[in-house]
Amino acid sequence: MHIVKDQDLTGKTCLITGANSGIGLEMTRCLSSRGCEVLMACRNPYEATTVVKNVCSDISLLRFYETNLATLRSVKASTDEILKKEKKIDIVLLNAAVFGLPWTVTEDGFETTFQVNYLSQYYLLINIEKILALDARIVFVSSESHRNINWDSHKTLMLSIDQLSLPKDEYTSIRAYNISKLCGLLSMHYLAYRWLHTQKQVFCAHPGSFVKTRLCRNWWVYEALYTFMKPFSKTICQAASTPLYCAISPDLKGVSGIYFKDCKRCSESDIANDLHLSFRLNDLTSDVIRERVGSYDDVIDRVKRDEYGKQHHAEDETVISNYSGTINS
């Protein structure tokens, strides 16, 4: 792939969720081919071990961490192991996703698509934050379908968990998926603001529409639709290009909080670009995780101490009013 062919990633470490199939597997192949060590966060590491032997040329660069995103308990156990074994992570690709599921609730009490696609991966990221490299890059794999969520002003001002983790009577698999991708974009803006005075960077990347991966496997109707659209959509290799561009391109040095499509900057929806809503989402996310994971308070306290302790409230207010996730000209 031309995105990585001239890159020497020796000494770099990348964590990828959903790394054992589809776009995640292709990104694993590309990055490891350039010398990058890849931490594969997968639900079934034994299956992943078998798969990568036929795809990656040097499996010695791969390490596997069992991570079931449908349970915060598994994410906590996985990140504890990562913190114990790894010293530094340079790139995080939050790629895992589910789609087309019937309405189901996880053991933590959340609608499954919301938890797998957003909540658990955000929790994973916050848990490993202390070993992120000073110039780490974080990439949320997003979707243009986030534009289909149009909340009114009341819903954006009074954000509730039922808007994100849909109750059964309001649920459709498409809407749940779109909401989860909107959450990723909002979290990008929150983190870009919080890391404004650091070298850390965060992006969202749309890989393409109707890319034929295992994402559509949960309902035969979607499987048929994606198969029909296959001649008109990107290949898996092409779909991996934009997330990889965000993860490693030297062109993006010094910028953050930007949404990309086809390796080019793209404006997100107005709701996705609402910085105040991104703060409300972060507060709500912190609250619901804290209710279920007691140790989350320790993580949040450390984050606040590290990121906010050196800043004055007046400076924060000035920055939030002037913040804009744009490429510097």
Protein backbone atom coordinates (compact mmCIF):
# COMPACT_ATOMS: atom_id res chain seq x y z
CA MET A 1 0.00 0.00 0.00
CA HIS A 2 1.38 3.42 -1.00
CA ILE A 3 0.44 4.98 2.37
CA VAL A 4 3.04 2.90 4.21
CA LYS A 5 5.56 1.93 1.52
CA ASP A 6 8.05 4.72 2.31
CA GLN A 7 7.58 4.60 6.08
CA ASP A 8 10.05 3.06 8.52
CA LEU A 9 8.03 2.24 11.64
CA THR A 10 10.74 0.31 13.44
CA GLY A 11 10.48 0.98 17.16
CA LYS A 12 6.84 2.08 16.95
CA THR A 13 4.00 0.24 18.68
CA CYS A 14 0.38 0.33 17.54
CA LEU A 15 -2.69 -1.02 19.30
CA ILE A 16 -5.58 -2.02 17.05
CA THR A 17 -9.03 -3.13 18.18
CA GLY A 18 -10.76 -5.61 15.90
CA ALA A 19 -7.38 -6.42 14.37
CA ASN A 20 -8.09 -10.00 13.34
CA SER A 21 -10.36 -9.39 10.33
CA GLY A 22 -11.34 -6.92 7.64
CA ILE A 23 -9.84 -3.44 7.77
CA GLY A 24 -8.20 -4.14 11.12
CA LEU A 25 -6.33 -7.14 9.72
CA GLU A 26 -5.22 -5.17 6.67
CA MET A 27 -3.88 -2.38 8.88
CA THR A 28 -2.09 -4.99 10.98
CA ARG A 29 -0.46 -6.40 7.85
CA CYS A 30 0.58 -3.00 6.52
CA LEU A 31 2.01 -1.67 9.76
CA SER A 32 3.90 -4.84 10.67
CA SER A 33 5.35 -4.97 7.15
CA ARG A 34 7.10 -1.66 7.92
CA GLY A 35 8.54 -2.82 11.24
CA CYS A 36 5.78 -1.62 13.56
CA GLU A 37 4.93 -3.81 16.55
CA VAL A 38 1.17 -4.39 16.61
CA LEU A 39 -0.88 -5.12 19.71
CA MET A 40 -3.95 -6.97 18.49
CA ALA A 41 -6.90 -6.44 20.86
CA CYS A 42 -9.26 -9.24 19.82
CA ARG A 43 -12.09 -11.21 21.35
CA ASN A 44 -10.50 -14.47 20.23
CA PRO A 45 -6.68 -14.23 20.17
CA TYR A 46 -6.35 -17.90 19.28
CA GLU A 47 -8.32 -17.40 16.08
CA ALA A 48 -6.31 -14.23 15.39
CA THR A 49 -3.05 -16.16 15.74
CA THR A 50 -4.18 -18.59 13.05
CA VAL A 51 -5.39 -15.85 10.70
CA VAL A 52 -2.27 -13.68 10.79
CA LYS A 53 0.03 -16.58 9.91
CA ASN A 54 -1.46 -16.48 6.42
CA VAL A 55 -1.40 -12.68 6.13
CA CYS A 56 1.54 -11.13 7.97
CA SER A 57 5.14 -11.81 6.95
CA ASP A 58 6.63 -11.38 10.44
CA ILE A 59 4.34 -12.53 13.22
CA SER A 60 7.08 -11.91 15.79
CA LEU A 61 6.01 -8.26 15.65
CA LEU A 62 2.49 -9.14 16.79
CA ARG A 63 1.20 -9.51 20.34
CA PHE A 64 -2.31 -10.60 21.24
CA TYR A 65 -4.55 -9.31 24.02
CA GLU A 66 -7.92 -10.93 24.66
CA THR A 67 -10.46 -8.12 24.69
CA ASN A 68 -14.22 -8.62 24.67
CA LEU A 69 -15.66 -5.16 24.09
CA ALA A 70 -19.12 -6.31 25.18
CA THR A 71 -17.94 -6.28 28.82
CA LEU A 72 -16.10 -3.58 30.71
CA ARG A 73 -14.67 -6.26 32.96
CA SER A 74 -12.83 -7.79 29.99
CA VAL A 75 -11.57 -4.39 28.85
CA LYS A 76 -10.25 -3.70 32.35
CA ALA A 77 -8.46 -7.06 32.48
CA SER A 78 -7.00 -6.51 29.00
CA THR A 79 -5.74 -3.00 29.71
CA ASP A 80 -4.27 -4.13 33.02
CA GLU A 81 -2.28 -6.73 31.10
CA ILE A 82 -1.21 -4.17 28.49
CA LEU A 83 -0.04 -1.77 31.19
CA LYS A 84 1.93 -4.57 32.81
CA LYS A 85 3.66 -5.75 29.62
CA GLU A 86 3.99 -2.69 27.39
CA LYS A 87 6.12 0.40 27.98
CA LYS A 88 4.87 2.74 25.27
CA ILE A 89 2.16 2.92 22.61
CA ASP A 90 2.63 5.31 19.68
CA ILE A 91 -0.57 4.67 17.70
CA VAL A 92 -4.06 3.56 18.69
CA LEU A 93 -6.55 2.54 15.99
CA LEU A 94 -10.03 2.17 17.47
CA ASN A 95 -11.38 0.08 14.64
CA ALA A 96 -13.63 -2.64 16.09
CA ALA A 97 -17.34 -2.42 15.34
CA VAL A 98 -20.56 -4.41 15.19
CA PHE A 99 -23.54 -3.74 12.96
CA GLY A 100 -26.90 -5.28 12.16
CA LEU A 101 -27.49 -6.81 15.57
CA PRO A 102 -30.94 -7.34 17.06
CA TRP A 103 -31.54 -5.33 20.22
CA THR A 104 -29.44 -6.88 22.97
CA VAL A 105 -28.05 -5.68 26.29
CA THR A 106 -24.57 -6.39 27.59
CA GLU A 107 -23.76 -7.62 31.10
CA ASP A 108 -23.06 -3.97 31.95
CA GLY A 109 -26.61 -2.99 31.02
CA PHE A 110 -25.91 -1.11 27.78
CA GLU A 111 -27.20 -1.66 24.27
CA THR A 112 -24.55 -3.80 22.59
CA THR A 113 -23.72 -1.65 19.55
CA PHE A 114 -23.20 1.44 21.70
CA GLN A 115 -20.93 -0.38 24.13
CA VAL A 116 -18.83 -2.27 21.58
CA ASN A 117 -18.44 0.53 19.05
CA TYR A 118 -17.90 3.39 21.47
CA LEU A 119 -18.09 2.98 25.23
CA SER A 120 -15.68 0.08 25.74
CA GLN A 121 -13.14 1.41 23.26
CA TYR A 122 -13.15 4.84 24.89
CA TYR A 123 -12.71 3.14 28.26
CA LEU A 124 -9.81 1.14 26.83
CA LEU A 125 -8.16 4.31 25.53
CA ILE A 126 -8.45 6.16 28.83
CA ASN A 127 -7.09 3.16 30.73
CA ILE A 128 -3.90 3.02 28.64
CA GLU A 129 -3.42 6.78 28.42
CA LYS A 130 -0.51 6.85 30.83
CA ILE A 131 1.66 4.77 28.45
CA LEU A 132 0.77 6.72 25.32
CA ALA A 133 3.83 8.25 23.69
CA LEU A 134 4.22 12.01 24.07
CA ASP A 135 3.43 12.34 20.34
CA ALA A 136 0.91 9.49 20.13
CA ARG A 137 -1.76 9.42 17.43
CA ILE A 138 -5.26 8.15 18.14
CA VAL A 139 -7.62 7.29 15.27
CA PHE A 140 -11.33 6.56 15.65
CA VAL A 141 -12.58 4.64 12.61
CA SER A 142 -15.76 6.57 11.84
CA SER A 143 -18.51 6.66 9.24
CA GLU A 144 -20.29 9.16 7.04
CA SER A 145 -23.52 7.70 8.42
CA HIS A 146 -23.05 9.83 11.55
CA ARG A 147 -24.74 12.58 9.52
CA ASN A 148 -28.08 10.78 9.86
CA ILE A 149 -28.31 11.70 13.54
CA ASN A 150 -30.06 15.05 13.97
CA TRP A 151 -30.89 15.80 17.58
CA ASP A 152 -32.82 18.93 18.45
CA SER A 153 -31.39 21.54 20.82
CA HIS A 154 -33.12 20.02 23.84
CA LYS A 155 -31.46 16.64 23.28
CA THR A 156 -28.02 18.16 22.78
CA LEU A 157 -28.36 20.28 25.92
CA MET A 158 -29.85 17.49 28.05
CA LEU A 159 -27.87 14.52 26.77
CA SER A 160 -29.03 11.27 28.37
CA ILE A 161 -27.86 7.67 28.28
CA ASP A 162 -31.11 6.61 26.56
CA GLN A 163 -30.13 8.74 23.56
CA LEU A 164 -26.92 6.75 23.20
CA SER A 165 -27.79 3.30 24.52
CA LEU A 166 -31.15 2.97 22.81
CA PRO A 167 -34.08 1.30 24.59
CA LYS A 168 -35.79 -1.52 22.72
CA ASP A 169 -38.79 0.53 21.56
CA GLU A 170 -36.51 3.12 19.90
CA TYR A 171 -33.91 0.73 18.52
CA THR A 172 -32.89 0.07 14.95
CA SER A 173 -29.48 -1.40 14.20
CA ILE A 174 -28.67 1.39 11.74
CA ARG A 175 -29.56 4.15 14.19
CA ALA A 176 -27.52 2.51 16.96
CA TYR A 177 -24.53 2.25 14.63
CA ASN A 178 -24.85 5.88 13.51
CA ILE A 179 -25.02 7.09 17.11
CA SER A 180 -21.91 5.12 18.03
CA LYS A 181 -19.98 6.75 15.18
CA LEU A 182 -21.22 10.20 16.19
CA CYS A 183 -19.88 9.50 19.68
CA GLY A 184 -16.45 8.77 18.21
CA LEU A 185 -16.37 12.13 16.43
CA LEU A 186 -17.46 13.99 19.55
CA SER A 187 -14.80 12.20 21.60
CA MET A 188 -12.21 13.20 19.02
CA HIS A 189 -13.04 16.85 19.59
CA TYR A 190 -13.03 16.48 23.36
CA LEU A 191 -9.63 14.79 23.36
CA ALA A 192 -8.19 17.27 20.83
CA TYR A 193 -9.14 20.05 23.22
CA ARG A 194 -7.83 18.24 26.29
CA TRP A 195 -4.54 17.48 24.54
CA LEU A 196 -4.29 20.95 23.03
CA HIS A 197 -1.08 21.79 24.91
CA THR A 198 0.55 18.43 24.23
CA GLN A 199 1.94 16.71 21.13
CA LYS A 200 -0.75 14.03 21.14
CA GLN A 201 -3.02 13.97 18.10
CA VAL A 202 -6.46 12.51 17.53
CA PHE A 203 -8.38 11.99 14.28
CA CYS A 204 -11.48 10.34 12.87
CA ALA A 205 -11.33 8.45 9.58
CA HIS A 206 -14.12 7.24 7.31
CA PRO A 207 -12.85 4.13 5.49
CA GLY A 208 -15.64 3.97 2.91
CA SER A 209 -19.24 2.90 2.54
CA PHE A 210 -20.47 -0.68 1.95
CA VAL A 211 -16.99 -2.15 2.32
CA LYS A 212 -17.49 -5.93 2.32
CA THR A 213 -16.08 -7.14 5.63
CA ARG A 214 -17.46 -9.26 8.46
CA LEU A 215 -19.29 -6.16 9.70
CA CYS A 216 -22.41 -7.12 7.75
CA ARG A 217 -22.49 -10.78 8.80
CA ASN A 218 -25.17 -10.48 11.48
CA TRP A 219 -28.20 -10.31 9.17
CA TRP A 220 -28.62 -11.88 5.74
CA VAL A 221 -30.27 -8.74 4.37
CA TYR A 222 -27.15 -6.66 5.05
CA GLU A 223 -24.94 -9.46 3.80
CA ALA A 224 -26.87 -9.47 0.50
CA LEU A 225 -26.80 -5.66 0.24
CA TYR A 226 -23.05 -5.43 0.85
CA THR A 227 -22.42 -8.24 -1.64
CA PHE A 228 -24.50 -6.43 -4.25
CA MET A 229 -22.61 -3.17 -3.62
CA LYS A 230 -19.17 -4.79 -3.66
CA PRO A 231 -18.34 -3.86 -7.28
CA PHE A 232 -19.11 -0.21 -6.50
CA SER A 233 -17.36 0.10 -3.14
CA LYS A 234 -13.77 0.15 -1.93
CA THR A 235 -11.74 -2.97 -1.41
CA ILE A 236 -10.55 -3.73 2.11
CA CYS A 237 -7.07 -2.55 1.13
CA GLN A 238 -8.44 0.75 -0.16
CA ALA A 239 -10.64 1.16 2.92
CA ALA A 240 -7.63 0.86 5.23
CA SER A 241 -5.87 3.78 3.51
CA THR A 242 -7.54 6.68 5.31
CA PRO A 243 -7.17 5.33 8.87
CA LEU A 244 -3.53 4.50 8.11
CA TYR A 245 -2.98 7.96 6.64
CA CYS A 246 -4.26 9.50 9.87
CA ALA A 247 -2.08 7.14 11.91
CA ILE A 248 1.30 7.65 10.27
CA SER A 249 1.36 10.42 7.66
CA PRO A 250 4.03 13.08 8.35
CA ASP A 251 1.75 15.58 6.59
CA LEU A 252 -0.44 15.73 9.69
CA LYS A 253 2.25 16.63 12.20
CA GLY A 254 1.11 19.37 14.53
CA VAL A 255 -2.64 19.21 13.82
CA SER A 256 -5.47 17.41 15.55
CA GLY A 257 -9.24 17.09 15.86
CA ILE A 258 -9.88 16.54 12.14
CA TYR A 259 -12.21 14.19 10.27
CA PHE A 260 -10.84 12.54 7.12
CA LYS A 261 -12.41 10.80 4.13
CA ASP A 262 -10.44 9.54 1.12
CA CYS A 263 -7.26 10.77 2.86
CA LYS A 264 -8.58 14.33 2.71
CA ARG A 265 -10.03 16.58 5.35
CA CYS A 266 -13.82 16.47 5.43
CA SER A 267 -16.27 18.58 7.39
CA GLU A 268 -18.36 16.55 9.81
CA SER A 269 -21.99 17.28 10.71
CA ASP A 270 -22.83 20.30 12.84
CA ILE A 271 -23.74 18.09 15.80
CA ALA A 272 -20.48 16.14 15.52
CA ASN A 273 -18.59 19.46 15.56
CA ASP A 274 -20.31 20.73 18.73
CA LEU A 275 -17.50 21.06 21.29
CA HIS A 276 -19.87 21.70 24.19
CA LEU A 277 -21.77 18.53 23.32
CA SER A 278 -18.46 16.67 23.27
CA PHE A 279 -17.87 17.75 26.88
CA ARG A 280 -21.36 16.64 27.88
CA LEU A 281 -20.74 13.27 26.22
CA ASN A 282 -17.47 12.88 28.12
CA ASP A 283 -19.15 13.71 31.43
CA LEU A 284 -21.97 11.24 30.73
CA THR A 285 -19.51 8.56 29.62
CA SER A 286 -17.45 9.04 32.78
CA ASP A 287 -20.56 8.83 34.96
CA VAL A 288 -21.93 5.61 33.48
CA ILE A 289 -18.54 3.88 33.57
CA ARG A 290 -17.91 5.05 37.12
CA GLU A 291 -21.21 3.47 38.20
CA ARG A 292 -20.02 0.10 36.92
CA VAL A 293 -16.25 0.21 37.39
CA GLY A 294 -15.18 1.48 40.79
CA SER A 295 -11.53 1.95 39.83
CA TYR A 296 -12.54 4.38 37.08
CA ASP A 297 -12.40 7.21 39.61
CA ASP A 298 -8.67 6.64 39.98
CA VAL A 299 -8.20 6.85 36.22
CA ILE A 300 -10.24 10.04 35.93
CA ASP A 301 -8.45 11.67 38.86
CA ARG A 302 -5.08 10.93 37.27
CA VAL A 303 -6.23 12.27 33.90
CA LYS A 304 -7.51 15.48 35.45
CA ARG A 305 -4.32 15.92 37.45
CA ASP A 306 -2.09 15.34 34.43
CA GLU A 307 -4.02 17.32 31.86
CA TYR A 308 -5.75 20.11 33.78
CA GLY A 309 -3.55 20.63 36.81
CA LYS A 310 -1.16 22.96 35.02
CA GLN A 311 -3.86 25.11 33.46
CA HIS A 312 -5.88 27.94 34.99
CA HIS A 313 -9.64 28.06 34.65
CA ALA A 314 -9.52 31.36 32.76
CA GLU A 315 -7.15 29.89 30.21
CA ASP A 316 -9.49 26.90 29.75
CA GLU A 317 -12.45 29.18 29.09
CA THR A 318 -10.48 31.13 26.47
CA VAL A 319 -9.31 27.98 24.72
CA ILE A 320 -12.74 26.33 24.60
CA SER A 321 -14.30 29.46 23.09
CA ASN A 322 -11.60 29.71 20.43
CA TYR A 323 -10.98 26.00 19.77
CA SER A 324 -11.28 24.88 16.17
CA GLY A 325 -10.20 21.47 14.91
CA THR A 326 -8.72 22.75 11.66
CA ILE A 327 -5.50 22.29 9.74
CA ASN A 328 -3.18 25.21 10.27
CA SER A 329 -2.46 27.07 7.08
